[in-house]
Amino acid sequence: MADKDALTKDYMQDPERFADAFNYLLYDGKQVIKPENLKPQDSASLAVLYGEDGKVVPIQKFRDVLKLASIMEDSDAVYLFLGIENQSEIHYAMPVRNMVYDSMAYNKQVDEKAKKNRDAGKASKSGGEFLSGFLKTDKLLPVITLVVYFGADEWTGPRDLHSMLDANEHILRFVPNYPIHLITPADFQDENFPKLVSELRLVLEYLKYSKDENKLHKLVNEDAAFKSVSKKAVDVVNVLTNSRIAYNKGEERVNMCEAIEKLISKGEARGREEGRLETLKENAANMRAEGLDDEMIARILRVSVADVKIWLDSNEN
């Protein structure tokens, strides 16, 4: 699990893939978020709770990836905190997990603004502004978290908070819901993959069809983009799908078409060899049943006597 999580986290740190995922989520693939306008943020969030007897209980959480995005919308600059949580396995409490991350991010903004206000002497000496340090005119930046599920199977976990609660519809009306934003290969329709413009598209397509050998082989051979894929992408699909796509040490780009053809050729050769071996074992057993000794069987089949003994004696045991 640690290897999978580390690989996907490193893969999605890349500004182009990060921007690509959020352009798909927020703008249906339109290239609004520019990689160069993403600023990495400290992924650690700290909150202070007060337990029994006023005891301070610090809580620290670590996101996978968090960036500050500067976006131009209709000639106006919009700023957002964008976070990605990478999942190699289904997380059955994801809505609560994301809700905690986002709440802590908002809390951090409130604390930072309050500190600046107090340091600048802007906070009132009494009233609500004095208590919180947060001014009536202060605003927060939106926080959006996206879950990228690197699995071939359908996401069977909850997609919002309400689906996790044991409550009737009447009660749920009074409980704010918290949906998750999710990218998962199984949800992708083929016509939507082109809305991703980075290499992330190739990884998600490979994952979607990784359990269908015929479709995967057709996909990789018909899409020229698979002829030059980063070794990081190959590492991701190898670990997540137990593929064995090989590349040379020091090679930065990999031709997945050629690599998969070699895998198929090796598999076919191995299959032929295994079939030949089974035929030899069957013939050896028939010959011994006819009364031939092991040395004669070995000469006829052109194998060693030791092999004949291993095949036939192990079957008898």
C-alpha atoms as a PDB file:
ATOM      1  CA  MET A   1       0.000   0.000   0.000  1.00  0.00           C
ATOM      2  CA  ALA A   2       2.802   2.414   0.905  1.00  0.00           C
ATOM      3  CA  ASP A   3       4.438   1.955  -2.516  1.00  0.00           C
ATOM      4  CA  LYS A   4       1.138   2.568  -4.303  1.00  0.00           C
ATOM      5  CA  ASP A   5       0.347   5.666  -2.249  1.00  0.00           C
ATOM      6  CA  ALA A   6       3.839   7.110  -2.661  1.00  0.00           C
ATOM      7  CA  LEU A   7       3.818   6.541  -6.428  1.00  0.00           C
ATOM      8  CA  THR A   8       0.386   8.079  -7.031  1.00  0.00           C
ATOM      9  CA  LYS A   9       1.130  11.031  -4.756  1.00  0.00           C
ATOM     10  CA  ASP A  10       4.379  11.758  -6.600  1.00  0.00           C
ATOM     11  CA  TYR A  11       2.629  11.319  -9.947  1.00  0.00           C
ATOM     12  CA  MET A  12      -0.136  13.809  -9.156  1.00  0.00           C
ATOM     13  CA  GLN A  13       2.276  16.419  -7.754  1.00  0.00           C
ATOM     14  CA  ASP A  14       3.116  17.258 -11.350  1.00  0.00           C
ATOM     15  CA  PRO A  15       1.473  20.634 -12.204  1.00  0.00           C
ATOM     16  CA  GLU A  16       0.289  19.525 -15.669  1.00  0.00           C
ATOM     17  CA  ARG A  17      -1.485  16.417 -14.374  1.00  0.00           C
ATOM     18  CA  PHE A  18      -2.852  18.309 -11.375  1.00  0.00           C
ATOM     19  CA  ALA A  19      -4.240  21.096 -13.570  1.00  0.00           C
ATOM     20  CA  ASP A  20      -5.597  18.540 -16.038  1.00  0.00           C
ATOM     21  CA  ALA A  21      -7.597  16.740 -13.343  1.00  0.00           C
ATOM     22  CA  PHE A  22      -9.179  19.957 -12.059  1.00  0.00           C
ATOM     23  CA  ASN A  23      -9.867  21.327 -15.543  1.00  0.00           C
ATOM     24  CA  TYR A  24     -11.816  18.135 -16.176  1.00  0.00           C
ATOM     25  CA  LEU A  25     -13.699  18.467 -12.876  1.00  0.00           C
ATOM     26  CA  LEU A  26     -14.424  22.200 -12.917  1.00  0.00           C
ATOM     27  CA  TYR A  27     -14.463  23.172 -16.605  1.00  0.00           C
ATOM     28  CA  ASP A  28     -15.322  19.959 -18.490  1.00  0.00           C
ATOM     29  CA  GLY A  29     -11.825  19.789 -19.945  1.00  0.00           C
ATOM     30  CA  LYS A  30     -11.470  23.431 -21.001  1.00  0.00           C
ATOM     31  CA  GLN A  31      -7.924  24.567 -20.256  1.00  0.00           C
ATOM     32  CA  VAL A  32      -8.707  27.285 -17.730  1.00  0.00           C
ATOM     33  CA  ILE A  33      -6.303  26.340 -14.944  1.00  0.00           C
ATOM     34  CA  LYS A  34      -2.718  26.812 -16.122  1.00  0.00           C
ATOM     35  CA  PRO A  35       0.048  24.639 -14.594  1.00  0.00           C
ATOM     36  CA  GLU A  36       2.295  27.682 -14.212  1.00  0.00           C
ATOM     37  CA  ASN A  37      -0.371  29.376 -12.055  1.00  0.00           C
ATOM     38  CA  LEU A  38      -0.349  26.644  -9.418  1.00  0.00           C
ATOM     39  CA  LYS A  39       1.606  27.311  -6.247  1.00  0.00           C
ATOM     40  CA  PRO A  40       2.430  24.331  -3.974  1.00  0.00           C
ATOM     41  CA  GLN A  41       1.137  24.661  -0.419  1.00  0.00           C
ATOM     42  CA  ASP A  42       2.039  23.055   2.877  1.00  0.00           C
ATOM     43  CA  SER A  43      -0.145  19.940   2.941  1.00  0.00           C
ATOM     44  CA  ALA A  44      -0.154  19.784   6.749  1.00  0.00           C
ATOM     45  CA  SER A  45      -3.120  21.265   8.596  1.00  0.00           C
ATOM     46  CA  LEU A  46      -3.210  21.837  12.341  1.00  0.00           C
ATOM     47  CA  ALA A  47      -6.276  22.428  14.464  1.00  0.00           C
ATOM     48  CA  VAL A  48      -6.615  22.831  18.210  1.00  0.00           C
ATOM     49  CA  LEU A  49      -9.514  21.249  20.065  1.00  0.00           C
ATOM     50  CA  TYR A  50     -10.338  21.621  23.732  1.00  0.00           C
ATOM     51  CA  GLY A  51     -11.046  18.419  25.613  1.00  0.00           C
ATOM     52  CA  GLU A  52     -12.034  17.711  29.182  1.00  0.00           C
ATOM     53  CA  ASP A  53     -11.027  20.332  31.745  1.00  0.00           C
ATOM     54  CA  GLY A  54     -10.009  22.688  28.962  1.00  0.00           C
ATOM     55  CA  LYS A  55      -7.074  20.487  27.943  1.00  0.00           C
ATOM     56  CA  VAL A  56      -5.670  21.467  24.550  1.00  0.00           C
ATOM     57  CA  VAL A  57      -5.751  18.629  22.002  1.00  0.00           C
ATOM     58  CA  PRO A  58      -3.802  19.431  18.805  1.00  0.00           C
ATOM     59  CA  ILE A  59      -4.828  17.560  15.639  1.00  0.00           C
ATOM     60  CA  GLN A  60      -2.646  17.436  12.562  1.00  0.00           C
ATOM     61  CA  LYS A  61      -3.689  16.070   9.179  1.00  0.00           C
ATOM     62  CA  PHE A  62      -1.664  15.675   5.994  1.00  0.00           C
ATOM     63  CA  ARG A  63      -3.212  15.985   2.554  1.00  0.00           C
ATOM     64  CA  ASP A  64      -1.674  14.222  -0.437  1.00  0.00           C
ATOM     65  CA  VAL A  65      -1.355  17.329  -2.621  1.00  0.00           C
ATOM     66  CA  LEU A  66      -2.469  20.927  -2.011  1.00  0.00           C
ATOM     67  CA  LYS A  67      -1.954  23.882  -4.359  1.00  0.00           C
ATOM     68  CA  LEU A  68      -3.104  27.501  -4.577  1.00  0.00           C
ATOM     69  CA  ALA A  69      -4.565  28.188  -8.017  1.00  0.00           C
ATOM     70  CA  SER A  70      -4.807  31.582  -9.689  1.00  0.00           C
ATOM     71  CA  ILE A  71      -7.499  31.364 -12.381  1.00  0.00           C
ATOM     72  CA  MET A  72      -8.677  33.941 -14.897  1.00  0.00           C
ATOM     73  CA  GLU A  73     -12.451  33.886 -15.370  1.00  0.00           C
ATOM     74  CA  ASP A  74     -13.941  36.594 -17.625  1.00  0.00           C
ATOM     75  CA  SER A  75     -10.848  38.784 -17.092  1.00  0.00           C
ATOM     76  CA  ASP A  76     -11.210  38.455 -13.295  1.00  0.00           C
ATOM     77  CA  ALA A  77      -8.668  36.608 -11.158  1.00  0.00           C
ATOM     78  CA  VAL A  78     -10.109  33.843  -8.994  1.00  0.00           C
ATOM     79  CA  TYR A  79      -8.075  32.165  -6.271  1.00  0.00           C
ATOM     80  CA  LEU A  80      -8.781  28.654  -4.997  1.00  0.00           C
ATOM     81  CA  PHE A  81      -7.146  26.104  -2.751  1.00  0.00           C
ATOM     82  CA  LEU A  82      -7.190  22.814  -4.651  1.00  0.00           C
ATOM     83  CA  GLY A  83      -6.385  19.499  -3.019  1.00  0.00           C
ATOM     84  CA  ILE A  84      -6.069  15.985  -4.429  1.00  0.00           C
ATOM     85  CA  GLU A  85      -6.415  12.793  -2.448  1.00  0.00           C
ATOM     86  CA  ASN A  86      -5.048   9.757  -4.302  1.00  0.00           C
ATOM     87  CA  GLN A  87      -6.629   6.400  -3.545  1.00  0.00           C
ATOM     88  CA  SER A  88      -5.253   3.057  -4.672  1.00  0.00           C
ATOM     89  CA  GLU A  89      -7.939   1.353  -2.566  1.00  0.00           C
ATOM     90  CA  ILE A  90     -11.541   2.331  -1.836  1.00  0.00           C
ATOM     91  CA  HIS A  91     -11.909   4.419   1.332  1.00  0.00           C
ATOM     92  CA  TYR A  92     -15.309   3.857   2.933  1.00  0.00           C
ATOM     93  CA  ALA A  93     -15.222   7.033   5.022  1.00  0.00           C
ATOM     94  CA  MET A  94     -13.988   9.384   2.285  1.00  0.00           C
ATOM     95  CA  PRO A  95     -16.723  12.038   2.706  1.00  0.00           C
ATOM     96  CA  VAL A  96     -15.820  12.490   6.389  1.00  0.00           C
ATOM     97  CA  ARG A  97     -12.107  12.452   5.632  1.00  0.00           C
ATOM     98  CA  ASN A  98     -12.450  15.153   2.987  1.00  0.00           C
ATOM     99  CA  MET A  99     -14.782  17.176   5.190  1.00  0.00           C
ATOM    100  CA  VAL A 100     -12.128  17.232   7.939  1.00  0.00           C
ATOM    101  CA  TYR A 101      -9.385  18.286   5.481  1.00  0.00           C
ATOM    102  CA  ASP A 102     -11.503  21.101   4.047  1.00  0.00           C
ATOM    103  CA  SER A 103     -12.717  22.295   7.457  1.00  0.00           C
ATOM    104  CA  MET A 104      -9.159  22.484   8.724  1.00  0.00           C
ATOM    105  CA  ALA A 105      -8.136  24.435   5.619  1.00  0.00           C
ATOM    106  CA  TYR A 106     -10.898  26.977   6.271  1.00  0.00           C
ATOM    107  CA  ASN A 107      -9.992  27.131   9.954  1.00  0.00           C
ATOM    108  CA  LYS A 108      -6.380  27.830   9.005  1.00  0.00           C
ATOM    109  CA  GLN A 109      -7.479  30.751   6.815  1.00  0.00           C
ATOM    110  CA  VAL A 110      -9.596  32.198   9.641  1.00  0.00           C
ATOM    111  CA  ASP A 111      -6.681  31.960  12.093  1.00  0.00           C
ATOM    112  CA  GLU A 112      -4.247  33.573   9.655  1.00  0.00           C
ATOM    113  CA  LYS A 113      -6.606  36.468   8.901  1.00  0.00           C
ATOM    114  CA  ALA A 114      -7.351  36.955  12.597  1.00  0.00           C
ATOM    115  CA  LYS A 115      -3.639  37.130  13.386  1.00  0.00           C
ATOM    116  CA  LYS A 116      -3.023  39.672  10.621  1.00  0.00           C
ATOM    117  CA  ASN A 117      -5.963  41.760  11.781  1.00  0.00           C
ATOM    118  CA  ARG A 118      -4.805  41.778  15.399  1.00  0.00           C
ATOM    119  CA  ASP A 119      -1.200  42.499  14.427  1.00  0.00           C
ATOM    120  CA  ALA A 120      -2.387  45.419  12.292  1.00  0.00           C
ATOM    121  CA  GLY A 121      -4.768  46.647  14.993  1.00  0.00           C
ATOM    122  CA  LYS A 122      -7.792  46.218  12.708  1.00  0.00           C
ATOM    123  CA  ALA A 123      -9.899  44.076  15.043  1.00  0.00           C
ATOM    124  CA  SER A 124     -12.535  45.825  17.144  1.00  0.00           C
ATOM    125  CA  LYS A 125     -11.985  46.187  20.864  1.00  0.00           C
ATOM    126  CA  SER A 126     -15.312  44.479  21.544  1.00  0.00           C
ATOM    127  CA  GLY A 127     -18.037  42.494  19.844  1.00  0.00           C
ATOM    128  CA  GLY A 128     -17.850  39.670  17.318  1.00  0.00           C
ATOM    129  CA  GLU A 129     -14.754  40.972  15.542  1.00  0.00           C
ATOM    130  CA  PHE A 130     -12.921  41.174  18.852  1.00  0.00           C
ATOM    131  CA  LEU A 131     -13.856  37.613  19.791  1.00  0.00           C
ATOM    132  CA  SER A 132     -12.834  35.999  16.514  1.00  0.00           C
ATOM    133  CA  GLY A 133     -10.347  38.470  15.087  1.00  0.00           C
ATOM    134  CA  PHE A 134     -12.195  37.879  11.832  1.00  0.00           C
ATOM    135  CA  LEU A 135     -13.675  41.064  10.369  1.00  0.00           C
ATOM    136  CA  LYS A 136     -17.164  41.439   8.979  1.00  0.00           C
ATOM    137  CA  THR A 137     -15.641  42.263   5.593  1.00  0.00           C
ATOM    138  CA  ASP A 138     -13.153  39.373   5.545  1.00  0.00           C
ATOM    139  CA  LYS A 139     -13.585  36.623   2.969  1.00  0.00           C
ATOM    140  CA  LEU A 140     -12.122  33.124   2.627  1.00  0.00           C
ATOM    141  CA  LEU A 141     -10.776  31.367  -0.454  1.00  0.00           C
ATOM    142  CA  PRO A 142     -12.794  28.337  -1.592  1.00  0.00           C
ATOM    143  CA  VAL A 143     -11.291  24.911  -0.892  1.00  0.00           C
ATOM    144  CA  ILE A 144     -12.031  22.064  -3.325  1.00  0.00           C
ATOM    145  CA  THR A 145     -10.841  18.506  -2.804  1.00  0.00           C
ATOM    146  CA  LEU A 146     -10.753  15.948  -5.600  1.00  0.00           C
ATOM    147  CA  VAL A 147     -10.387  12.206  -5.035  1.00  0.00           C
ATOM    148  CA  VAL A 148      -8.529  10.374  -7.814  1.00  0.00           C
ATOM    149  CA  TYR A 149      -9.138   6.636  -7.524  1.00  0.00           C
ATOM    150  CA  PHE A 150      -6.420   4.631  -9.267  1.00  0.00           C
ATOM    151  CA  GLY A 151      -8.367   1.394  -9.420  1.00  0.00           C
ATOM    152  CA  ALA A 152      -9.934  -0.594 -12.249  1.00  0.00           C
ATOM    153  CA  ASP A 153     -12.963  -1.593 -10.187  1.00  0.00           C
ATOM    154  CA  GLU A 154     -16.053   0.497  -9.640  1.00  0.00           C
ATOM    155  CA  TRP A 155     -15.939   2.852  -6.641  1.00  0.00           C
ATOM    156  CA  THR A 156     -18.306   1.169  -4.171  1.00  0.00           C
ATOM    157  CA  GLY A 157     -17.623   3.551  -1.306  1.00  0.00           C
ATOM    158  CA  PRO A 158     -19.992   6.357  -0.248  1.00  0.00           C
ATOM    159  CA  ARG A 159     -20.001   9.458  -2.408  1.00  0.00           C
ATOM    160  CA  ASP A 160     -21.539  11.794   0.146  1.00  0.00           C
ATOM    161  CA  LEU A 161     -22.025  12.150   3.886  1.00  0.00           C
ATOM    162  CA  HIS A 162     -25.746  11.372   3.858  1.00  0.00           C
ATOM    163  CA  SER A 163     -25.145   7.884   2.477  1.00  0.00           C
ATOM    164  CA  MET A 164     -23.043   7.159   5.569  1.00  0.00           C
ATOM    165  CA  LEU A 165     -25.663   8.247   8.089  1.00  0.00           C
ATOM    166  CA  ASP A 166     -28.202   6.063   9.835  1.00  0.00           C
ATOM    167  CA  ALA A 167     -31.096   8.508   9.657  1.00  0.00           C
ATOM    168  CA  ASN A 168     -34.435   8.977   7.914  1.00  0.00           C
ATOM    169  CA  GLU A 169     -35.215  11.594   5.279  1.00  0.00           C
ATOM    170  CA  HIS A 170     -36.783  13.945   7.823  1.00  0.00           C
ATOM    171  CA  ILE A 171     -33.607  14.086   9.933  1.00  0.00           C
ATOM    172  CA  LEU A 172     -31.334  14.293   6.894  1.00  0.00           C
ATOM    173  CA  ARG A 173     -33.033  17.566   5.891  1.00  0.00           C
ATOM    174  CA  PHE A 174     -31.355  19.160   8.916  1.00  0.00           C
ATOM    175  CA  VAL A 175     -27.914  17.616   8.339  1.00  0.00           C
ATOM    176  CA  PRO A 176     -25.703  19.398   5.776  1.00  0.00           C
ATOM    177  CA  ASN A 177     -24.574  16.920   3.145  1.00  0.00           C
ATOM    178  CA  TYR A 178     -20.972  16.653   2.030  1.00  0.00           C
ATOM    179  CA  PRO A 179     -20.434  15.068  -1.408  1.00  0.00           C
ATOM    180  CA  ILE A 180     -17.024  14.020  -2.655  1.00  0.00           C
ATOM    181  CA  HIS A 181     -15.652  14.964  -6.072  1.00  0.00           C
ATOM    182  CA  LEU A 182     -14.357  11.782  -7.642  1.00  0.00           C
ATOM    183  CA  ILE A 183     -12.390  10.762 -10.713  1.00  0.00           C
ATOM    184  CA  THR A 184     -12.386   7.015 -11.226  1.00  0.00           C
ATOM    185  CA  PRO A 185     -11.538   5.100 -14.437  1.00  0.00           C
ATOM    186  CA  ALA A 186     -14.664   2.945 -14.237  1.00  0.00           C
ATOM    187  CA  ASP A 187     -16.896   6.047 -14.452  1.00  0.00           C
ATOM    188  CA  PHE A 188     -15.218   7.381 -17.575  1.00  0.00           C
ATOM    189  CA  GLN A 189     -17.067   7.074 -20.860  1.00  0.00           C
ATOM    190  CA  ASP A 190     -14.692   6.639 -23.807  1.00  0.00           C
ATOM    191  CA  GLU A 191     -15.817   9.931 -25.338  1.00  0.00           C
ATOM    192  CA  ASN A 192     -14.772  11.816 -22.184  1.00  0.00           C
ATOM    193  CA  PHE A 193     -11.142  10.674 -22.092  1.00  0.00           C
ATOM    194  CA  PRO A 194     -10.072  13.297 -24.686  1.00  0.00           C
ATOM    195  CA  LYS A 195     -11.101  15.987 -22.193  1.00  0.00           C
ATOM    196  CA  LEU A 196      -7.892  15.084 -20.363  1.00  0.00           C
ATOM    197  CA  VAL A 197      -4.906  16.534 -22.213  1.00  0.00           C
ATOM    198  CA  SER A 198      -2.025  15.295 -20.076  1.00  0.00           C
ATOM    199  CA  GLU A 199      -0.560  11.825 -19.691  1.00  0.00           C
ATOM    200  CA  LEU A 200      -3.084  11.239 -16.917  1.00  0.00           C
ATOM    201  CA  ARG A 201      -5.507  10.217 -19.679  1.00  0.00           C
ATOM    202  CA  LEU A 202      -3.285   7.301 -20.702  1.00  0.00           C
ATOM    203  CA  VAL A 203      -2.922   6.067 -17.132  1.00  0.00           C
ATOM    204  CA  LEU A 204      -6.669   6.179 -16.464  1.00  0.00           C
ATOM    205  CA  GLU A 205      -7.473   4.473 -19.778  1.00  0.00           C
ATOM    206  CA  TYR A 206      -4.940   1.737 -19.069  1.00  0.00           C
ATOM    207  CA  LEU A 207      -6.405   1.212 -15.604  1.00  0.00           C
ATOM    208  CA  LYS A 208      -9.971   1.053 -16.937  1.00  0.00           C
ATOM    209  CA  TYR A 209      -9.170  -1.752 -19.377  1.00  0.00           C
ATOM    210  CA  SER A 210      -6.425  -3.478 -17.381  1.00  0.00           C
ATOM    211  CA  LYS A 211      -8.667  -6.485 -16.673  1.00  0.00           C
ATOM    212  CA  ASP A 212      -9.708  -6.921 -20.317  1.00  0.00           C
ATOM    213  CA  GLU A 213      -6.638  -8.112 -22.217  1.00  0.00           C
ATOM    214  CA  ASN A 214      -8.191  -7.744 -25.683  1.00  0.00           C
ATOM    215  CA  LYS A 215      -9.464  -4.194 -25.123  1.00  0.00           C
ATOM    216  CA  LEU A 216      -6.207  -3.159 -23.468  1.00  0.00           C
ATOM    217  CA  HIS A 217      -4.123  -4.543 -26.332  1.00  0.00           C
ATOM    218  CA  LYS A 218      -6.340  -2.744 -28.859  1.00  0.00           C
ATOM    219  CA  LEU A 219      -6.184   0.523 -26.903  1.00  0.00           C
ATOM    220  CA  VAL A 220      -2.403   0.590 -26.595  1.00  0.00           C
ATOM    221  CA  ASN A 221      -1.816  -0.343 -30.233  1.00  0.00           C
ATOM    222  CA  GLU A 222      -4.309   2.107 -31.726  1.00  0.00           C
ATOM    223  CA  ASP A 223      -3.337   5.169 -29.678  1.00  0.00           C
ATOM    224  CA  ALA A 224       0.017   6.580 -30.821  1.00  0.00           C
ATOM    225  CA  ALA A 225       0.426   8.395 -27.486  1.00  0.00           C
ATOM    226  CA  PHE A 226       1.318   5.065 -25.859  1.00  0.00           C
ATOM    227  CA  LYS A 227       4.494   4.966 -27.969  1.00  0.00           C
ATOM    228  CA  SER A 228       6.090   7.572 -25.712  1.00  0.00           C
ATOM    229  CA  VAL A 229       5.048   7.397 -22.060  1.00  0.00           C
ATOM    230  CA  SER A 230       7.011   8.573 -19.028  1.00  0.00           C
ATOM    231  CA  LYS A 231       8.600   5.896 -16.891  1.00  0.00           C
ATOM    232  CA  LYS A 232       6.665   7.341 -13.923  1.00  0.00           C
ATOM    233  CA  ALA A 233       3.432   6.425 -15.696  1.00  0.00           C
ATOM    234  CA  VAL A 234       4.758   2.932 -16.380  1.00  0.00           C
ATOM    235  CA  ASP A 235       5.726   2.560 -12.722  1.00  0.00           C
ATOM    236  CA  VAL A 236       2.203   3.573 -11.676  1.00  0.00           C
ATOM    237  CA  VAL A 237       0.426   1.077 -13.941  1.00  0.00           C
ATOM    238  CA  ASN A 238       2.917  -1.671 -13.117  1.00  0.00           C
ATOM    239  CA  VAL A 239       2.330  -1.359  -9.384  1.00  0.00           C
ATOM    240  CA  LEU A 240      -1.418  -0.804  -9.559  1.00  0.00           C
ATOM    241  CA  THR A 241      -2.210  -3.539 -12.095  1.00  0.00           C
ATOM    242  CA  ASN A 242       0.636  -5.992 -11.463  1.00  0.00           C
ATOM    243  CA  SER A 243       1.798  -5.470 -15.043  1.00  0.00           C
ATOM    244  CA  ARG A 244       5.376  -6.288 -15.972  1.00  0.00           C
ATOM    245  CA  ILE A 245       6.137  -3.583 -18.528  1.00  0.00           C
ATOM    246  CA  ALA A 246       9.926  -3.338 -18.672  1.00  0.00           C
ATOM    247  CA  TYR A 247      12.134  -0.422 -19.650  1.00  0.00           C
ATOM    248  CA  ASN A 248      15.878   0.160 -19.749  1.00  0.00           C
ATOM    249  CA  LYS A 249      17.641   1.823 -16.842  1.00  0.00           C
ATOM    250  CA  GLY A 250      18.002   5.546 -17.437  1.00  0.00           C
ATOM    251  CA  GLU A 251      15.232   5.537 -20.046  1.00  0.00           C
ATOM    252  CA  GLU A 252      12.872   8.481 -19.503  1.00  0.00           C
ATOM    253  CA  ARG A 253      10.276   7.623 -22.173  1.00  0.00           C
ATOM    254  CA  VAL A 254       8.862   4.157 -22.806  1.00  0.00           C
ATOM    255  CA  ASN A 255       7.191   2.706 -25.903  1.00  0.00           C
ATOM    256  CA  MET A 256       4.395   0.789 -24.202  1.00  0.00           C
ATOM    257  CA  CYS A 257       3.229  -0.703 -27.509  1.00  0.00           C
ATOM    258  CA  GLU A 258       6.560  -2.490 -28.009  1.00  0.00           C
ATOM    259  CA  ALA A 259       6.877  -3.392 -24.323  1.00  0.00           C
ATOM    260  CA  ILE A 260       3.431  -5.019 -24.232  1.00  0.00           C
ATOM    261  CA  GLU A 261       4.079  -6.884 -27.501  1.00  0.00           C
ATOM    262  CA  LYS A 262       7.234  -8.328 -25.943  1.00  0.00           C
ATOM    263  CA  LEU A 263       5.243  -9.363 -22.870  1.00  0.00           C
ATOM    264  CA  ILE A 264       2.655 -11.079 -25.063  1.00  0.00           C
ATOM    265  CA  SER A 265       5.366 -12.835 -27.104  1.00  0.00           C
ATOM    266  CA  LYS A 266       7.058 -14.063 -23.934  1.00  0.00           C
ATOM    267  CA  GLY A 267       3.734 -15.271 -22.589  1.00  0.00           C
ATOM    268  CA  GLU A 268       2.944 -17.137 -25.783  1.00  0.00           C
ATOM    269  CA  ALA A 269       6.408 -18.721 -25.829  1.00  0.00           C
ATOM    270  CA  ARG A 270       6.020 -19.702 -22.192  1.00  0.00           C
ATOM    271  CA  GLY A 271       2.620 -21.181 -22.982  1.00  0.00           C
ATOM    272  CA  ARG A 272       4.047 -23.235 -25.837  1.00  0.00           C
ATOM    273  CA  GLU A 273       6.858 -24.478 -23.610  1.00  0.00           C
ATOM    274  CA  GLU A 274       4.424 -25.397 -20.847  1.00  0.00           C
ATOM    275  CA  GLY A 275       2.265 -27.236 -23.376  1.00  0.00           C
ATOM    276  CA  ARG A 276       5.256 -29.158 -24.694  1.00  0.00           C
ATOM    277  CA  LEU A 277       6.263 -30.102 -21.152  1.00  0.00           C
ATOM    278  CA  GLU A 278       2.787 -31.419 -20.357  1.00  0.00           C
ATOM    279  CA  THR A 279       2.873 -33.525 -23.537  1.00  0.00           C
ATOM    280  CA  LEU A 280       6.244 -34.995 -22.554  1.00  0.00           C
ATOM    281  CA  LYS A 281       4.960 -35.853 -19.075  1.00  0.00           C
ATOM    282  CA  GLU A 282       1.863 -37.516 -20.511  1.00  0.00           C
ATOM    283  CA  ASN A 283       3.900 -39.566 -23.002  1.00  0.00           C
ATOM    284  CA  ALA A 284       6.343 -40.628 -20.295  1.00  0.00           C
ATOM    285  CA  ALA A 285       3.482 -41.830 -18.090  1.00  0.00           C
ATOM    286  CA  ASN A 286       1.965 -43.822 -20.972  1.00  0.00           C
ATOM    287  CA  MET A 287       5.342 -45.459 -21.749  1.00  0.00           C
ATOM    288  CA  ARG A 288       5.909 -46.494 -18.128  1.00  0.00           C
ATOM    289  CA  ALA A 289       2.389 -47.936 -18.067  1.00  0.00           C
ATOM    290  CA  GLU A 290       3.380 -50.024 -21.093  1.00  0.00           C
ATOM    291  CA  GLY A 291       6.314 -51.408 -19.121  1.00  0.00           C
ATOM    292  CA  LEU A 292       9.217 -49.363 -20.501  1.00  0.00           C
ATOM    293  CA  ASP A 293      11.959 -48.517 -18.011  1.00  0.00           C
ATOM    294  CA  ASP A 294      12.995 -44.924 -17.273  1.00  0.00           C
ATOM    295  CA  GLU A 295      16.222 -45.088 -19.318  1.00  0.00           C
ATOM    296  CA  MET A 296      14.352 -46.216 -22.428  1.00  0.00           C
ATOM    297  CA  ILE A 297      11.697 -43.511 -21.899  1.00  0.00           C
ATOM    298  CA  ALA A 298      14.414 -40.872 -21.570  1.00  0.00           C
ATOM    299  CA  ARG A 299      16.121 -41.981 -24.804  1.00  0.00           C
ATOM    300  CA  ILE A 300      12.854 -41.959 -26.761  1.00  0.00           C
ATOM    301  CA  LEU A 301      11.769 -38.533 -25.491  1.00  0.00           C
ATOM    302  CA  ARG A 302      15.338 -37.131 -25.604  1.00  0.00           C
ATOM    303  CA  VAL A 303      15.282 -35.933 -22.017  1.00  0.00           C
ATOM    304  CA  SER A 304      17.270 -36.876 -18.934  1.00  0.00           C
ATOM    305  CA  VAL A 305      16.476 -39.894 -16.778  1.00  0.00           C
ATOM    306  CA  ALA A 306      16.345 -37.524 -13.802  1.00  0.00           C
ATOM    307  CA  ASP A 307      13.536 -35.539 -15.458  1.00  0.00           C
ATOM    308  CA  VAL A 308      11.551 -38.724 -16.130  1.00  0.00           C
ATOM    309  CA  LYS A 309      11.864 -39.777 -12.485  1.00  0.00           C
ATOM    310  CA  ILE A 310      10.824 -36.306 -11.236  1.00  0.00           C
ATOM    311  CA  TRP A 311       7.753 -36.207 -13.478  1.00  0.00           C
ATOM    312  CA  LEU A 312       6.524 -39.717 -12.826  1.00  0.00           C
ATOM    313  CA  ASP A 313       7.570 -40.343  -9.237  1.00  0.00           C
ATOM    314  CA  SER A 314       6.004 -37.042  -8.098  1.00  0.00           C
ATOM    315  CA  ASN A 315       2.700 -38.081  -9.735  1.00  0.00           C
ATOM    316  CA  GLU A 316       2.739 -41.416  -7.956  1.00  0.00           C
ATOM    317  CA  ASN A 317       3.276 -39.729  -4.610  1.00  0.00           C
END
